[in-house]
N, C-alpha and C. Protein backbone atom coordinates (compact mmCIF):
# COMPACT_ATOMS: atom_id res chain seq x y z
N MET A 1 -193.56 -157.70 137.97
CA MET A 1 -193.12 -156.51 138.63
C MET A 1 -194.34 -155.89 139.30
N PHE A 2 -194.21 -155.56 140.57
CA PHE A 2 -195.30 -154.97 141.32
C PHE A 2 -194.85 -153.63 141.91
N VAL A 3 -195.78 -152.66 141.98
CA VAL A 3 -195.45 -151.36 142.58
C VAL A 3 -196.63 -150.82 143.37
N ASN A 4 -196.30 -149.99 144.34
CA ASN A 4 -197.28 -149.15 145.05
C ASN A 4 -196.91 -147.72 144.70
N LEU A 5 -197.90 -146.91 144.40
CA LEU A 5 -197.67 -145.53 143.99
C LEU A 5 -197.77 -144.59 145.19
N PRO A 6 -197.20 -143.36 145.08
CA PRO A 6 -197.23 -142.41 146.20
C PRO A 6 -198.64 -142.01 146.63
N VAL A 7 -199.58 -141.97 145.71
CA VAL A 7 -200.98 -141.70 146.05
C VAL A 7 -201.64 -143.05 146.26
N PRO A 8 -202.01 -143.39 147.50
CA PRO A 8 -202.49 -144.75 147.80
C PRO A 8 -203.71 -145.17 147.00
N GLY A 9 -203.76 -146.45 146.69
CA GLY A 9 -204.88 -147.05 145.98
C GLY A 9 -205.13 -148.44 146.53
N ASP A 10 -206.07 -149.15 145.93
CA ASP A 10 -206.39 -150.51 146.37
C ASP A 10 -205.29 -151.47 145.97
N LYS A 11 -204.91 -152.34 146.88
CA LYS A 11 -203.89 -153.36 146.61
C LYS A 11 -204.58 -154.60 146.08
N ILE A 12 -204.80 -154.62 144.76
CA ILE A 12 -205.60 -155.68 144.13
C ILE A 12 -204.76 -156.78 143.52
N HIS A 13 -203.44 -156.63 143.52
CA HIS A 13 -202.54 -157.65 142.95
C HIS A 13 -201.74 -158.28 144.08
N THR A 14 -201.52 -159.59 144.01
CA THR A 14 -200.78 -160.30 145.05
C THR A 14 -199.57 -161.01 144.44
N ASP A 15 -198.41 -160.85 145.09
CA ASP A 15 -197.21 -161.54 144.61
C ASP A 15 -197.14 -162.95 145.18
N LEU A 16 -196.10 -163.69 144.84
CA LEU A 16 -195.98 -165.08 145.29
C LEU A 16 -195.80 -165.21 146.80
N SER A 17 -195.41 -164.13 147.46
CA SER A 17 -195.26 -164.15 148.92
C SER A 17 -196.55 -163.77 149.64
N GLY A 18 -197.58 -163.42 148.87
CA GLY A 18 -198.86 -163.02 149.47
C GLY A 18 -198.98 -161.55 149.78
N ARG A 19 -197.97 -160.74 149.42
CA ARG A 19 -198.02 -159.30 149.64
C ARG A 19 -198.94 -158.63 148.63
N GLY A 20 -199.70 -157.63 149.07
CA GLY A 20 -200.60 -156.90 148.19
C GLY A 20 -199.92 -155.71 147.54
N TRP A 21 -200.24 -155.48 146.27
CA TRP A 21 -199.67 -154.38 145.50
C TRP A 21 -200.77 -153.69 144.71
N GLU A 22 -200.53 -152.42 144.37
CA GLU A 22 -201.52 -151.62 143.65
C GLU A 22 -201.49 -151.84 142.14
N VAL A 23 -200.32 -152.01 141.57
CA VAL A 23 -200.17 -152.13 140.11
C VAL A 23 -199.22 -153.28 139.79
N GLN A 24 -199.55 -154.01 138.73
CA GLN A 24 -198.70 -155.10 138.27
C GLN A 24 -198.29 -154.81 136.83
N GLY A 25 -197.01 -155.01 136.52
CA GLY A 25 -196.51 -154.83 135.17
C GLY A 25 -195.69 -156.04 134.76
N GLN A 26 -195.42 -156.13 133.48
CA GLN A 26 -194.63 -157.24 132.96
C GLN A 26 -193.15 -156.88 133.00
N GLY A 27 -192.32 -157.85 133.34
CA GLY A 27 -190.88 -157.64 133.39
C GLY A 27 -190.15 -158.91 133.02
N ALA A 28 -188.87 -158.77 132.74
CA ALA A 28 -188.04 -159.93 132.40
C ALA A 28 -186.61 -159.66 132.84
N PHE A 29 -185.85 -160.74 133.01
CA PHE A 29 -184.45 -160.66 133.41
C PHE A 29 -183.61 -161.52 132.48
N ILE A 30 -182.39 -161.10 132.24
CA ILE A 30 -181.40 -161.91 131.53
C ILE A 30 -180.16 -161.94 132.43
N PHE A 31 -179.69 -163.15 132.74
CA PHE A 31 -178.51 -163.32 133.57
C PHE A 31 -177.42 -164.03 132.78
N ASP A 32 -176.19 -163.56 132.92
CA ASP A 32 -175.01 -164.28 132.43
C ASP A 32 -174.23 -164.69 133.67
N VAL A 33 -174.11 -166.00 133.87
CA VAL A 33 -173.42 -166.54 135.03
C VAL A 33 -172.15 -167.25 134.55
N VAL A 34 -171.04 -167.02 135.27
CA VAL A 34 -169.77 -167.65 134.92
C VAL A 34 -169.20 -168.40 136.13
N LYS A 35 -168.40 -169.41 135.83
CA LYS A 35 -167.71 -170.13 136.90
C LYS A 35 -166.63 -169.22 137.47
N ASP A 36 -166.62 -169.09 138.79
CA ASP A 36 -165.61 -168.28 139.47
C ASP A 36 -165.51 -168.81 140.90
N SER A 37 -164.37 -169.36 141.24
CA SER A 37 -164.22 -170.02 142.54
C SER A 37 -164.41 -169.06 143.72
N SER A 38 -164.29 -167.75 143.49
CA SER A 38 -164.47 -166.80 144.59
C SER A 38 -165.94 -166.48 144.86
N GLY A 39 -166.84 -166.94 144.00
CA GLY A 39 -168.26 -166.66 144.18
C GLY A 39 -168.98 -167.76 144.95
N PRO A 40 -170.20 -167.46 145.40
CA PRO A 40 -170.98 -168.48 146.10
C PRO A 40 -171.20 -169.70 145.19
N LEU A 41 -170.96 -170.87 145.70
CA LEU A 41 -171.11 -172.13 144.95
C LEU A 41 -170.23 -172.16 143.69
N GLY A 42 -169.18 -171.33 143.66
CA GLY A 42 -168.27 -171.32 142.52
C GLY A 42 -168.80 -170.60 141.30
N LEU A 43 -169.82 -169.75 141.48
CA LEU A 43 -170.43 -169.01 140.37
C LEU A 43 -170.53 -167.53 140.71
N LYS A 44 -170.53 -166.69 139.67
CA LYS A 44 -170.75 -165.25 139.83
C LYS A 44 -171.56 -164.75 138.64
N PHE A 45 -172.33 -163.67 138.89
CA PHE A 45 -173.02 -163.00 137.80
C PHE A 45 -172.02 -162.17 137.02
N LYS A 46 -171.98 -162.37 135.72
CA LYS A 46 -171.12 -161.56 134.84
C LYS A 46 -171.92 -160.35 134.34
N ASN A 47 -173.18 -160.58 134.05
CA ASN A 47 -174.04 -159.53 133.51
C ASN A 47 -175.47 -159.79 133.98
N TRP A 48 -176.22 -158.71 134.24
CA TRP A 48 -177.60 -158.83 134.70
C TRP A 48 -178.38 -157.70 134.04
N GLN A 49 -179.40 -158.03 133.27
CA GLN A 49 -180.24 -157.02 132.61
C GLN A 49 -181.67 -157.19 133.08
N THR A 50 -182.33 -156.06 133.31
CA THR A 50 -183.73 -156.06 133.72
C THR A 50 -184.53 -155.28 132.68
N PHE A 51 -185.66 -155.84 132.29
CA PHE A 51 -186.54 -155.19 131.32
C PHE A 51 -187.93 -155.06 131.94
N ALA A 52 -188.60 -153.94 131.69
CA ALA A 52 -189.94 -153.75 132.24
C ALA A 52 -190.77 -152.88 131.30
N ASP A 53 -192.05 -153.18 131.25
CA ASP A 53 -193.00 -152.37 130.48
C ASP A 53 -193.66 -151.39 131.45
N PRO A 54 -193.40 -150.09 131.32
CA PRO A 54 -193.95 -149.11 132.26
C PRO A 54 -195.40 -148.71 131.99
N THR A 55 -196.00 -149.21 130.91
CA THR A 55 -197.33 -148.76 130.50
C THR A 55 -198.39 -148.88 131.59
N PRO A 56 -198.57 -150.04 132.26
CA PRO A 56 -199.61 -150.11 133.28
C PRO A 56 -199.35 -149.17 134.47
N ILE A 57 -198.09 -148.99 134.82
CA ILE A 57 -197.75 -148.12 135.95
C ILE A 57 -198.02 -146.67 135.59
N LEU A 58 -197.58 -146.26 134.41
CA LEU A 58 -197.83 -144.88 133.96
C LEU A 58 -199.32 -144.61 133.80
N GLY A 59 -200.06 -145.59 133.27
CA GLY A 59 -201.50 -145.42 133.11
C GLY A 59 -202.19 -145.17 134.44
N GLU A 60 -201.82 -145.93 135.45
CA GLU A 60 -202.42 -145.75 136.78
C GLU A 60 -201.97 -144.44 137.41
N ALA A 61 -200.71 -144.05 137.20
CA ALA A 61 -200.21 -142.78 137.72
C ALA A 61 -200.94 -141.60 137.09
N ILE A 62 -201.28 -141.69 135.81
CA ILE A 62 -202.05 -140.64 135.14
C ILE A 62 -203.46 -140.59 135.71
N LYS A 63 -204.10 -141.76 135.88
CA LYS A 63 -205.45 -141.81 136.44
C LYS A 63 -205.53 -141.16 137.83
N ARG A 64 -204.49 -141.37 138.63
CA ARG A 64 -204.48 -140.83 140.00
C ARG A 64 -203.99 -139.39 140.07
N GLY A 65 -203.59 -138.82 138.94
CA GLY A 65 -203.14 -137.44 138.91
C GLY A 65 -201.71 -137.24 139.39
N ILE A 66 -200.94 -138.31 139.46
CA ILE A 66 -199.54 -138.22 139.90
C ILE A 66 -198.67 -137.68 138.76
N VAL A 67 -198.95 -138.15 137.55
CA VAL A 67 -198.21 -137.73 136.36
C VAL A 67 -199.20 -137.10 135.38
N PRO A 68 -198.95 -135.85 134.93
CA PRO A 68 -199.84 -135.24 133.95
C PRO A 68 -199.65 -135.90 132.58
N ILE A 69 -200.71 -136.02 131.82
CA ILE A 69 -200.64 -136.63 130.50
C ILE A 69 -199.64 -135.90 129.60
N GLU A 70 -199.47 -134.60 129.83
CA GLU A 70 -198.53 -133.81 129.02
C GLU A 70 -197.08 -134.29 129.21
N ALA A 71 -196.78 -134.86 130.36
CA ALA A 71 -195.43 -135.39 130.60
C ALA A 71 -195.15 -136.61 129.72
N ILE A 72 -196.20 -137.31 129.32
CA ILE A 72 -196.06 -138.50 128.49
C ILE A 72 -196.08 -138.14 127.01
N THR A 73 -197.01 -137.27 126.64
CA THR A 73 -197.19 -136.94 125.21
C THR A 73 -196.23 -135.87 124.72
N GLY A 74 -195.69 -135.08 125.64
CA GLY A 74 -194.80 -134.00 125.23
C GLY A 74 -195.52 -132.76 124.78
N SER A 75 -196.87 -132.76 124.81
CA SER A 75 -197.62 -131.56 124.40
C SER A 75 -197.71 -130.57 125.54
N GLY A 76 -197.94 -129.33 125.20
CA GLY A 76 -198.11 -128.28 126.21
C GLY A 76 -196.81 -127.66 126.68
N ALA A 77 -195.71 -128.00 126.04
CA ALA A 77 -194.42 -127.45 126.50
C ALA A 77 -194.14 -126.13 125.87
């Protein structure tokens, strides 16, 4: 998973297409595919789940001052 944040930074990560990104995080997908003649090639997605670890993105957002640390820790409220 790659992201660019609203406050610009260096694009130090590259995806498989060669595009540059500012932050890289880990992610995963789970697909359930079923036979269905109305779908492309006779298949359709029944279920699709996406999982991502926001830690590297939040860490960079805190460093750049986009997100205050209090928003993460819950202190100062």
